[in-house]
Amino acid sequence: QHFNADAARPARLISCTNRIYKNCGLNDLEQIGDAP
């Protein structure tokens, strides 16, 4: 889980996934909670 520590400013990130891992069918990404 990623958590922003500053309520006044957004945190921004660039995310990527290893395509070999993804193409092997092991890319089970599940969002557990919303960021309202």
Full PDB file with SEQRES, HELIX, SHEET, SSBOND, CRYST1, ORIGX, SCALE, CONECT and MASTER records, all heavy atoms in Angstrom:
SEQRES   1 A   36  GLN HIS PHE ASN ALA ASP ALA ALA ARG PRO ALA ARG LEU          
SEQRES   2 A   36  ILE SER CYS THR ASN ARG ILE TYR LYS ASN CYS GLY LEU          
SEQRES   3 A   36  ASN ASP LEU GLU GLN ILE GLY ASP ALA PRO                      
HELIX    1 AA1 ARG A   19  ASN A   23  1                                   5    
CRYST1    1.000    1.000    1.000  90.00  90.00  90.00 P 1           1          
ORIGX1      1.000000  0.000000  0.000000        0.00000                         
ORIGX2      0.000000  1.000000  0.000000        0.00000                         
ORIGX3      0.000000  0.000000  1.000000        0.00000                         
SCALE1      1.000000  0.000000  0.000000        0.00000                         
SCALE2      0.000000  1.000000  0.000000        0.00000                         
SCALE3      0.000000  0.000000  1.000000        0.00000                         
ATOM      1  N   GLN A   1       0.857  -1.183   0.000  1.00  0.00           N  
ATOM      2  CA  GLN A   1       0.000   0.000   0.000  1.00  0.00           C  
ATOM      3  C   GLN A   1       0.890   1.228   0.000  1.00  0.00           C  
ATOM      4  O   GLN A   1       1.929   1.257   0.656  1.00  0.00           O  
ATOM      5  CB  GLN A   1      -0.883   0.046   1.247  1.00  0.00           C  
ATOM      6  CG  GLN A   1      -1.932  -1.037   1.303  1.00  0.00           C  
ATOM      7  CD  GLN A   1      -2.701  -0.952   2.602  1.00  0.00           C  
ATOM      8  OE1 GLN A   1      -2.197  -1.364   3.639  1.00  0.00           O  
ATOM      9  NE2 GLN A   1      -3.902  -0.426   2.537  1.00  0.00           N  
ATOM     10  N   HIS A   2       0.465   2.268  -0.728  1.00  0.00           N  
ATOM     11  CA  HIS A   2       1.157   3.556  -0.734  1.00  0.00           C  
ATOM     12  C   HIS A   2       0.326   4.537   0.084  1.00  0.00           C  
ATOM     13  O   HIS A   2      -0.896   4.575  -0.057  1.00  0.00           O  
ATOM     14  CB  HIS A   2       1.280   4.110  -2.158  1.00  0.00           C  
ATOM     15  CG  HIS A   2       1.878   3.165  -3.148  1.00  0.00           C  
ATOM     16  ND1 HIS A   2       3.197   2.777  -3.098  1.00  0.00           N  
ATOM     17  CD2 HIS A   2       1.341   2.534  -4.216  1.00  0.00           C  
ATOM     18  CE1 HIS A   2       3.434   1.952  -4.110  1.00  0.00           C  
ATOM     19  NE2 HIS A   2       2.322   1.790  -4.803  1.00  0.00           N  
ATOM     20  N   PHE A   3       0.988   5.349   0.914  1.00  0.00           N  
ATOM     21  CA  PHE A   3       0.302   6.341   1.726  1.00  0.00           C  
ATOM     22  C   PHE A   3       0.946   7.708   1.538  1.00  0.00           C  
ATOM     23  O   PHE A   3       2.166   7.842   1.656  1.00  0.00           O  
ATOM     24  CB  PHE A   3       0.361   5.965   3.213  1.00  0.00           C  
ATOM     25  CG  PHE A   3      -0.422   4.725   3.540  1.00  0.00           C  
ATOM     26  CD1 PHE A   3       0.186   3.480   3.504  1.00  0.00           C  
ATOM     27  CD2 PHE A   3      -1.763   4.802   3.876  1.00  0.00           C  
ATOM     28  CE1 PHE A   3      -0.518   2.331   3.798  1.00  0.00           C  
ATOM     29  CE2 PHE A   3      -2.486   3.656   4.174  1.00  0.00           C  
ATOM     30  CZ  PHE A   3      -1.853   2.419   4.135  1.00  0.00           C  
ATOM     31  N   ASN A   4       0.141   8.700   1.269  1.00  0.00           N  
ATOM     32  CA  ASN A   4       0.593  10.086   1.175  1.00  0.00           C  
ATOM     33  C   ASN A   4       0.646  10.649   2.597  1.00  0.00           C  
ATOM     34  O   ASN A   4      -0.328  10.557   3.341  1.00  0.00           O  
ATOM     35  CB  ASN A   4      -0.386  10.893   0.312  1.00  0.00           C  
ATOM     36  CG  ASN A   4       0.029  12.330   0.139  1.00  0.00           C  
ATOM     37  OD1 ASN A   4       1.126  12.717   0.522  1.00  0.00           O  
ATOM     38  ND2 ASN A   4      -0.845  13.120  -0.440  1.00  0.00           N  
ATOM     39  N   ALA A   5       1.763  11.248   2.990  1.00  0.00           N  
ATOM     40  CA  ALA A   5       1.920  11.774   4.340  1.00  0.00           C  
ATOM     41  C   ALA A   5       1.572  13.256   4.446  1.00  0.00           C  
ATOM     42  O   ALA A   5       1.687  13.830   5.517  1.00  0.00           O  
ATOM     43  CB  ALA A   5       3.356  11.541   4.823  1.00  0.00           C  
ATOM     44  N   ASP A   6       1.159  13.882   3.362  1.00  0.00           N  
ATOM     45  CA  ASP A   6       0.850  15.316   3.366  1.00  0.00           C  
ATOM     46  C   ASP A   6      -0.572  15.529   2.844  1.00  0.00           C  
ATOM     47  O   ASP A   6      -0.827  15.428   1.648  1.00  0.00           O  
ATOM     48  CB  ASP A   6       1.859  16.053   2.482  1.00  0.00           C  
ATOM     49  CG  ASP A   6       1.731  17.563   2.554  1.00  0.00           C  
ATOM     50  OD1 ASP A   6       0.730  18.065   3.100  1.00  0.00           O  
ATOM     51  OD2 ASP A   6       2.639  18.243   2.048  1.00  0.00           O  
ATOM     52  N   ALA A   7      -1.478  15.838   3.747  1.00  0.00           N  
ATOM     53  CA  ALA A   7      -2.886  16.030   3.368  1.00  0.00           C  
ATOM     54  C   ALA A   7      -3.088  17.267   2.497  1.00  0.00           C  
ATOM     55  O   ALA A   7      -4.088  17.368   1.783  1.00  0.00           O  
ATOM     56  CB  ALA A   7      -3.745  16.129   4.619  1.00  0.00           C  
ATOM     57  N   ALA A   8      -2.142  18.204   2.513  1.00  0.00           N  
ATOM     58  CA  ALA A   8      -2.284  19.445   1.752  1.00  0.00           C  
ATOM     59  C   ALA A   8      -1.778  19.329   0.316  1.00  0.00           C  
ATOM     60  O   ALA A   8      -2.133  20.153  -0.528  1.00  0.00           O  
ATOM     61  CB  ALA A   8      -1.547  20.580   2.466  1.00  0.00           C  
ATOM     62  N   ARG A   9      -0.937  18.341   0.027  1.00  0.00           N  
ATOM     63  CA  ARG A   9      -0.362  18.191  -1.318  1.00  0.00           C  
ATOM     64  C   ARG A   9      -0.486  16.752  -1.793  1.00  0.00           C  
ATOM     65  O   ARG A   9      -0.279  15.821  -1.015  1.00  0.00           O  
ATOM     66  CB  ARG A   9       1.124  18.571  -1.301  1.00  0.00           C  
ATOM     67  CG  ARG A   9       1.384  20.029  -1.027  1.00  0.00           C  
ATOM     68  CD  ARG A   9       2.854  20.378  -1.102  1.00  0.00           C  
ATOM     69  NE  ARG A   9       3.473  19.825  -2.304  1.00  0.00           N  
ATOM     70  CZ  ARG A   9       4.728  19.432  -2.375  1.00  0.00           C  
ATOM     71  NH1 ARG A   9       5.509  19.531  -1.326  1.00  0.00           N  
ATOM     72  NH2 ARG A   9       5.232  18.954  -3.490  1.00  0.00           N  
ATOM     73  N   PRO A  10      -0.767  16.558  -3.072  1.00  0.00           N  
ATOM     74  CA  PRO A  10      -0.861  15.181  -3.578  1.00  0.00           C  
ATOM     75  C   PRO A  10       0.519  14.545  -3.725  1.00  0.00           C  
ATOM     76  O   PRO A  10       1.523  15.226  -3.874  1.00  0.00           O  
ATOM     77  CB  PRO A  10      -1.513  15.348  -4.944  1.00  0.00           C  
ATOM     78  CG  PRO A  10      -1.131  16.724  -5.379  1.00  0.00           C  
ATOM     79  CD  PRO A  10      -1.066  17.544  -4.116  1.00  0.00           C  
ATOM     80  N   ALA A  11       0.531  13.244  -3.655  1.00  0.00           N  
ATOM     81  CA  ALA A  11       1.729  12.480  -3.990  1.00  0.00           C  
ATOM     82  C   ALA A  11       1.479  11.886  -5.370  1.00  0.00           C  
ATOM     83  O   ALA A  11       0.385  11.431  -5.668  1.00  0.00           O  
ATOM     84  CB  ALA A  11       1.968  11.377  -2.976  1.00  0.00           C  
ATOM     85  N   ARG A  12       2.484  11.939  -6.225  1.00  0.00           N  
ATOM     86  CA  ARG A  12       2.344  11.393  -7.575  1.00  0.00           C  
ATOM     87  C   ARG A  12       3.488  10.416  -7.833  1.00  0.00           C  
ATOM     88  O   ARG A  12       4.630  10.675  -7.474  1.00  0.00           O  
ATOM     89  CB  ARG A  12       2.369  12.502  -8.606  1.00  0.00           C  
ATOM     90  CG  ARG A  12       1.229  13.478  -8.424  1.00  0.00           C  
ATOM     91  CD  ARG A  12       1.200  14.501  -9.537  1.00  0.00           C  
ATOM     92  NE  ARG A  12       0.309  15.588  -9.244  1.00  0.00           N  
ATOM     93  CZ  ARG A  12      -0.994  15.592  -9.492  1.00  0.00           C  
ATOM     94  NH1 ARG A  12      -1.556  14.541 -10.040  1.00  0.00           N  
ATOM     95  NH2 ARG A  12      -1.739  16.632  -9.195  1.00  0.00           N  
ATOM     96  N   LEU A  13       3.136   9.304  -8.473  1.00  0.00           N  
ATOM     97  CA  LEU A  13       4.149   8.308  -8.783  1.00  0.00           C  
ATOM     98  C   LEU A  13       3.909   7.753 -10.176  1.00  0.00           C  
ATOM     99  O   LEU A  13       2.811   7.832 -10.708  1.00  0.00           O  
ATOM    100  CB  LEU A  13       4.149   7.174  -7.759  1.00  0.00           C  
ATOM    101  CG  LEU A  13       2.898   6.299  -7.653  1.00  0.00           C  
ATOM    102  CD1 LEU A  13       3.049   5.057  -8.505  1.00  0.00           C  
ATOM    103  CD2 LEU A  13       2.683   5.919  -6.212  1.00  0.00           C  
ATOM    104  N   ILE A  14       4.949   7.233 -10.752  1.00  0.00           N  
ATOM    105  CA  ILE A  14       4.869   6.516 -12.021  1.00  0.00           C  
ATOM    106  C   ILE A  14       5.051   5.046 -11.672  1.00  0.00           C  
ATOM    107  O   ILE A  14       5.995   4.675 -10.981  1.00  0.00           O  
ATOM    108  CB  ILE A  14       5.959   6.982 -13.003  1.00  0.00           C  
ATOM    109  CG1 ILE A  14       5.753   8.455 -13.346  1.00  0.00           C  
ATOM    110  CG2 ILE A  14       5.947   6.117 -14.250  1.00  0.00           C  
ATOM    111  CD1 ILE A  14       6.886   9.064 -14.145  1.00  0.00           C  
ATOM    112  N   SER A  15       4.136   4.213 -12.149  1.00  0.00           N  
ATOM    113  CA  SER A  15       4.149   2.801 -11.803  1.00  0.00           C  
ATOM    114  C   SER A  15       4.298   1.946 -13.060  1.00  0.00           C  
ATOM    115  O   SER A  15       3.726   2.261 -14.104  1.00  0.00           O  
ATOM    116  CB  SER A  15       2.840   2.445 -11.086  1.00  0.00           C  
ATOM    117  OG  SER A  15       2.790   1.081 -10.798  1.00  0.00           O  
ATOM    118  N   CYS A  16       5.060   0.873 -12.963  1.00  0.00           N  
ATOM    119  CA  CYS A  16       5.182  -0.065 -14.084  1.00  0.00           C  
ATOM    120  C   CYS A  16       5.281  -1.482 -13.530  1.00  0.00           C  
ATOM    121  O   CYS A  16       5.622  -1.694 -12.377  1.00  0.00           O  
ATOM    122  CB  CYS A  16       6.385   0.277 -14.952  1.00  0.00           C  
ATOM    123  SG  CYS A  16       7.956   0.209 -14.112  1.00  0.00           S  
ATOM    124  N   THR A  17       4.972  -2.451 -14.405  1.00  0.00           N  
ATOM    125  CA  THR A  17       5.000  -3.856 -14.035  1.00  0.00           C  
ATOM    126  C   THR A  17       5.898  -4.603 -15.015  1.00  0.00           C  
ATOM    127  O   THR A  17       5.875  -4.323 -16.211  1.00  0.00           O  
ATOM    128  CB  THR A  17       3.578  -4.455 -14.104  1.00  0.00           C  
ATOM    129  OG1 THR A  17       2.730  -3.715 -13.233  1.00  0.00           O  
ATOM    130  CG2 THR A  17       3.564  -5.909 -13.692  1.00  0.00           C  
ATOM    131  N   ASN A  18       6.657  -5.547 -14.509  1.00  0.00           N  
ATOM    132  CA  ASN A  18       7.521  -6.372 -15.336  1.00  0.00           C  
ATOM    133  C   ASN A  18       6.662  -7.150 -16.321  1.00  0.00           C  
ATOM    134  O   ASN A  18       5.810  -7.945 -15.938  1.00  0.00           O  
ATOM    135  CB  ASN A  18       8.305  -7.319 -14.433  1.00  0.00           C  
ATOM    136  CG  ASN A  18       9.257  -8.195 -15.194  1.00  0.00           C  
ATOM    137  OD1 ASN A  18       8.949  -8.694 -16.263  1.00  0.00           O  
ATOM    138  ND2 ASN A  18      10.420  -8.400 -14.619  1.00  0.00           N  
ATOM    139  N   ARG A  19       6.882  -6.952 -17.624  1.00  0.00           N  
ATOM    140  CA  ARG A  19       6.012  -7.582 -18.617  1.00  0.00           C  
ATOM    141  C   ARG A  19       6.200  -9.092 -18.685  1.00  0.00           C  
ATOM    142  O   ARG A  19       5.279  -9.810 -19.042  1.00  0.00           O  
ATOM    143  CB  ARG A  19       6.208  -6.950 -19.983  1.00  0.00           C  
ATOM    144  CG  ARG A  19       7.534  -7.221 -20.610  1.00  0.00           C  
ATOM    145  CD  ARG A  19       7.623  -6.589 -21.963  1.00  0.00           C  
ATOM    146  NE  ARG A  19       9.016  -6.629 -22.383  1.00  0.00           N  
ATOM    147  CZ  ARG A  19       9.495  -5.973 -23.382  1.00  0.00           C  
ATOM    148  NH1 ARG A  19       8.712  -5.226 -24.101  1.00  0.00           N  
ATOM    149  NH2 ARG A  19      10.756  -6.052 -23.695  1.00  0.00           N  
ATOM    150  N   ILE A  20       7.371  -9.609 -18.363  1.00  0.00           N  
ATOM    151  CA  ILE A  20       7.553 -11.067 -18.352  1.00  0.00           C  
ATOM    152  C   ILE A  20       6.677 -11.675 -17.261  1.00  0.00           C  
ATOM    153  O   ILE A  20       5.980 -12.663 -17.483  1.00  0.00           O  
ATOM    154  CB  ILE A  20       9.039 -11.437 -18.161  1.00  0.00           C  
ATOM    155  CG1 ILE A  20       9.848 -11.002 -19.382  1.00  0.00           C  
ATOM    156  CG2 ILE A  20       9.190 -12.926 -17.892  1.00  0.00           C  
ATOM    157  CD1 ILE A  20      11.333 -11.156 -19.237  1.00  0.00           C  
ATOM    158  N   TYR A  21       6.703 -11.078 -16.107  1.00  0.00           N  
ATOM    159  CA  TYR A  21       5.878 -11.537 -14.987  1.00  0.00           C  
ATOM    160  C   TYR A  21       4.397 -11.442 -15.372  1.00  0.00           C  
ATOM    161  O   TYR A  21       3.625 -12.372 -15.177  1.00  0.00           O  
ATOM    162  CB  TYR A  21       6.192 -10.669 -13.770  1.00  0.00           C  
ATOM    163  CG  TYR A  21       5.613 -11.169 -12.481  1.00  0.00           C  
ATOM    164  CD1 TYR A  21       6.168 -12.257 -11.830  1.00  0.00           C  
ATOM    165  CD2 TYR A  21       4.517 -10.544 -11.899  1.00  0.00           C  
ATOM    166  CE1 TYR A  21       5.651 -12.714 -10.634  1.00  0.00           C  
ATOM    167  CE2 TYR A  21       3.997 -10.998 -10.706  1.00  0.00           C  
ATOM    168  CZ  TYR A  21       4.565 -12.080 -10.086  1.00  0.00           C  
ATOM    169  OH  TYR A  21       4.039 -12.525  -8.903  1.00  0.00           O  
ATOM    170  N   LYS A  22       4.025 -10.333 -15.987  1.00  0.00           N  
ATOM    171  CA  LYS A  22       2.640 -10.124 -16.410  1.00  0.00           C  
ATOM    172  C   LYS A  22       2.227 -11.141 -17.476  1.00  0.00           C  
ATOM    173  O   LYS A  22       1.150 -11.733 -17.406  1.00  0.00           O  
ATOM    174  CB  LYS A  22       2.485  -8.701 -16.944  1.00  0.00           C  
ATOM    175  CG  LYS A  22       1.093  -8.352 -17.379  1.00  0.00           C  
ATOM    176  CD  LYS A  22       1.034  -6.916 -17.845  1.00  0.00           C  
ATOM    177  CE  LYS A  22      -0.344  -6.531 -18.325  1.00  0.00           C  
ATOM    178  NZ  LYS A  22      -0.395  -5.141 -18.773  1.00  0.00           N  
ATOM    179  N   ASN A  23       3.072 -11.377 -18.465  1.00  0.00           N  
ATOM    180  CA  ASN A  23       2.740 -12.300 -19.545  1.00  0.00           C  
ATOM    181  C   ASN A  23       2.711 -13.757 -19.099  1.00  0.00           C  
ATOM    182  O   ASN A  23       2.151 -14.607 -19.799  1.00  0.00           O  
ATOM    183  CB  ASN A  23       3.700 -12.117 -20.725  1.00  0.00           C  
ATOM    184  CG  ASN A  23       3.482 -10.791 -21.439  1.00  0.00           C  
ATOM    185  OD1 ASN A  23       2.412 -10.210 -21.375  1.00  0.00           O  
ATOM    186  ND2 ASN A  23       4.508 -10.311 -22.112  1.00  0.00           N  
ATOM    187  N   CYS A  24       3.297 -14.063 -17.964  1.00  0.00           N  
ATOM    188  CA  CYS A  24       3.223 -15.417 -17.416  1.00  0.00           C  
ATOM    189  C   CYS A  24       1.911 -15.641 -16.664  1.00  0.00           C  
ATOM    190  O   CYS A  24       1.676 -16.721 -16.130  1.00  0.00           O  
ATOM    191  CB  CYS A  24       4.396 -15.672 -16.463  1.00  0.00           C  
ATOM    192  SG  CYS A  24       5.964 -15.878 -17.301  1.00  0.00           S  
ATOM    193  N   GLY A  25       1.076 -14.606 -16.590  1.00  0.00           N  
ATOM    194  CA  GLY A  25      -0.200 -14.731 -15.897  1.00  0.00           C  
ATOM    195  C   GLY A  25      -0.114 -14.541 -14.403  1.00  0.00           C  
ATOM    196  O   GLY A  25      -1.019 -14.897 -13.660  1.00  0.00           O  
ATOM    197  N   LEU A  26       0.973 -13.974 -13.935  1.00  0.00           N  
ATOM    198  CA  LEU A  26       1.177 -13.784 -12.500  1.00  0.00           C  
ATOM    199  C   LEU A  26       0.982 -12.331 -12.092  1.00  0.00           C  
ATOM    200  O   LEU A  26       1.568 -11.860 -11.127  1.00  0.00           O  
ATOM    201  CB  LEU A  26       2.574 -14.271 -12.105  1.00  0.00           C  
ATOM    202  CG  LEU A  26       2.866 -15.727 -12.443  1.00  0.00           C  
ATOM    203  CD1 LEU A  26       4.315 -16.048 -12.162  1.00  0.00           C  
ATOM    204  CD2 LEU A  26       1.943 -16.644 -11.659  1.00  0.00           C  
ATOM    205  N   ASN A  27       0.161 -11.613 -12.799  1.00  0.00           N  
ATOM    206  CA  ASN A  27      -0.033 -10.192 -12.543  1.00  0.00           C  
ATOM    207  C   ASN A  27      -1.360  -9.954 -11.835  1.00  0.00           C  
ATOM    208  O   ASN A  27      -2.227  -9.242 -12.310  1.00  0.00           O  
ATOM    209  CB  ASN A  27       0.012  -9.416 -13.872  1.00  0.00           C  
ATOM    210  CG  ASN A  27       0.061  -7.928 -13.645  1.00  0.00           C  
ATOM    211  OD1 ASN A  27       0.692  -7.475 -12.712  1.00  0.00           O  
ATOM    212  ND2 ASN A  27      -0.600  -7.173 -14.488  1.00  0.00           N  
ATOM    213  N   ASP A  28      -1.537 -10.592 -10.695  1.00  0.00           N  
ATOM    214  CA  ASP A  28      -2.771 -10.425  -9.936  1.00  0.00           C  
ATOM    215  C   ASP A  28      -2.710  -9.125  -9.144  1.00  0.00           C  
ATOM    216  O   ASP A  28      -2.173  -9.078  -8.041  1.00  0.00           O  
ATOM    217  CB  ASP A  28      -2.981 -11.596  -8.974  1.00  0.00           C  
ATOM    218  CG  ASP A  28      -3.227 -12.899  -9.690  1.00  0.00           C  
ATOM    219  OD1 ASP A  28      -3.660 -12.853 -10.857  1.00  0.00           O  
ATOM    220  OD2 ASP A  28      -2.995 -13.952  -9.090  1.00  0.00           O  
ATOM    221  N   LEU A  29      -3.221  -8.059  -9.725  1.00  0.00           N  
ATOM    222  CA  LEU A  29      -3.284  -6.781  -9.028  1.00  0.00           C  
ATOM    223  C   LEU A  29      -4.707  -6.578  -8.550  1.00  0.00           C  
ATOM    224  O   LEU A  29      -5.660  -6.694  -9.322  1.00  0.00           O  
ATOM    225  CB  LEU A  29      -2.877  -5.628  -9.950  1.00  0.00           C  
ATOM    226  CG  LEU A  29      -1.453  -5.693 -10.488  1.00  0.00           C  
ATOM    227  CD1 LEU A  29      -1.199  -4.538 -11.447  1.00  0.00           C  
ATOM    228  CD2 LEU A  29      -0.444  -5.679  -9.362  1.00  0.00           C  
ATOM    229  N   GLU A  30      -4.866  -6.283  -7.276  1.00  0.00           N  
ATOM    230  CA  GLU A  30      -6.192  -6.101  -6.709  1.00  0.00           C  
ATOM    231  C   GLU A  30      -6.184  -4.849  -5.852  1.00  0.00           C  
ATOM    232  O   GLU A  30      -5.350  -4.711  -4.961  1.00  0.00           O  
ATOM    233  CB  GLU A  30      -6.558  -7.318  -5.853  1.00  0.00           C  
ATOM    234  CG  GLU A  30      -7.930  -7.238  -5.270  1.00  0.00           C  
ATOM    235  CD  GLU A  30      -8.287  -8.512  -4.498  1.00  0.00           C  
ATOM    236  OE1 GLU A  30      -7.703  -9.565  -4.778  1.00  0.00           O  
ATOM    237  OE2 GLU A  30      -9.127  -8.408  -3.615  1.00  0.00           O  
ATOM    238  N   GLN A  31      -7.100  -3.956  -6.136  1.00  0.00           N  
ATOM    239  CA  GLN A  31      -7.217  -2.745  -5.334  1.00  0.00           C  
ATOM    240  C   GLN A  31      -8.060  -3.068  -4.120  1.00  0.00           C  
ATOM    241  O   GLN A  31      -9.229  -3.440  -4.242  1.00  0.00           O  
ATOM    242  CB  GLN A  31      -7.859  -1.618  -6.137  1.00  0.00           C  
ATOM    243  CG  GLN A  31      -7.955  -0.337  -5.341  1.00  0.00           C  
ATOM    244  CD  GLN A  31      -8.415   0.833  -6.186  1.00  0.00           C  
ATOM    245  OE1 GLN A  31      -8.172   0.881  -7.375  1.00  0.00           O  
ATOM    246  NE2 GLN A  31      -9.077   1.765  -5.551  1.00  0.00           N  
ATOM    247  N   ILE A  32      -7.478  -2.913  -2.944  1.00  0.00           N  
ATOM    248  CA  ILE A  32      -8.165  -3.270  -1.708  1.00  0.00           C  
ATOM    249  C   ILE A  32      -9.030  -2.124  -1.206  1.00  0.00           C  
ATOM    250  O   ILE A  32     -10.120  -2.340  -0.711  1.00  0.00           O  
ATOM    251  CB  ILE A  32      -7.141  -3.698  -0.636  1.00  0.00           C  
ATOM    252  CG1 ILE A  32      -6.434  -4.974  -1.118  1.00  0.00           C  
ATOM    253  CG2 ILE A  32      -7.810  -3.923   0.705  1.00  0.00           C  
ATOM    254  CD1 ILE A  32      -5.302  -5.422  -0.250  1.00  0.00           C  
ATOM    255  N   GLY A  33      -8.547  -0.903  -1.343  1.00  0.00           N  
ATOM    256  CA  GLY A  33      -9.310   0.244  -0.847  1.00  0.00           C  
ATOM    257  C   GLY A  33      -9.266   1.394  -1.822  1.00  0.00           C  
ATOM    258  O   GLY A  33      -8.301   1.563  -2.558  1.00  0.00           O  
ATOM    259  N   ASP A  34     -10.336   2.165  -1.844  1.00  0.00           N  
ATOM    260  CA  ASP A  34     -10.400   3.340  -2.701  1.00  0.00           C  
ATOM    261  C   ASP A  34      -9.673   4.519  -2.067  1.00  0.00           C  
ATOM    262  O   ASP A  34      -9.516   4.589  -0.852  1.00  0.00           O  
ATOM    263  CB  ASP A  34     -11.854   3.748  -2.948  1.00  0.00           C  
ATOM    264  CG  ASP A  34     -12.584   2.756  -3.834  1.00  0.00           C  
ATOM    265  OD1 ASP A  34     -11.923   2.105  -4.657  1.00  0.00           O  
ATOM    266  OD2 ASP A  34     -13.810   2.639  -3.688  1.00  0.00           O  
ATOM    267  N   ALA A  35      -9.253   5.439  -2.898  1.00  0.00           N  
ATOM    268  CA  ALA A  35      -8.711   6.711  -2.453  1.00  0.00           C  
ATOM    269  C   ALA A  35      -9.799   7.747  -2.754  1.00  0.00           C  
ATOM    270  O   ALA A  35      -9.878   8.247  -3.870  1.00  0.00           O  
ATOM    271  CB  ALA A  35      -7.419   7.046  -3.173  1.00  0.00           C  
ATOM    272  N   PRO A  36     -10.675   8.040  -1.800  1.00  0.00           N  
ATOM    273  CA  PRO A  36     -11.836   8.881  -2.075  1.00  0.00           C  
ATOM    274  C   PRO A  36     -11.496  10.288  -2.548  1.00  0.00           C  
ATOM    275  O   PRO A  36     -12.293  10.929  -3.225  1.00  0.00           O  
ATOM    276  CB  PRO A  36     -12.605   8.914  -0.745  1.00  0.00           C  
ATOM    277  CG  PRO A  36     -11.621   8.496   0.275  1.00  0.00           C  
ATOM    278  CD  PRO A  36     -10.600   7.634  -0.416  1.00  0.00           C  
TER     279      PRO A  36                                                      
MASTER        0    0    0    1    0    0    0    6  278    1    0    3          
END                                                                             
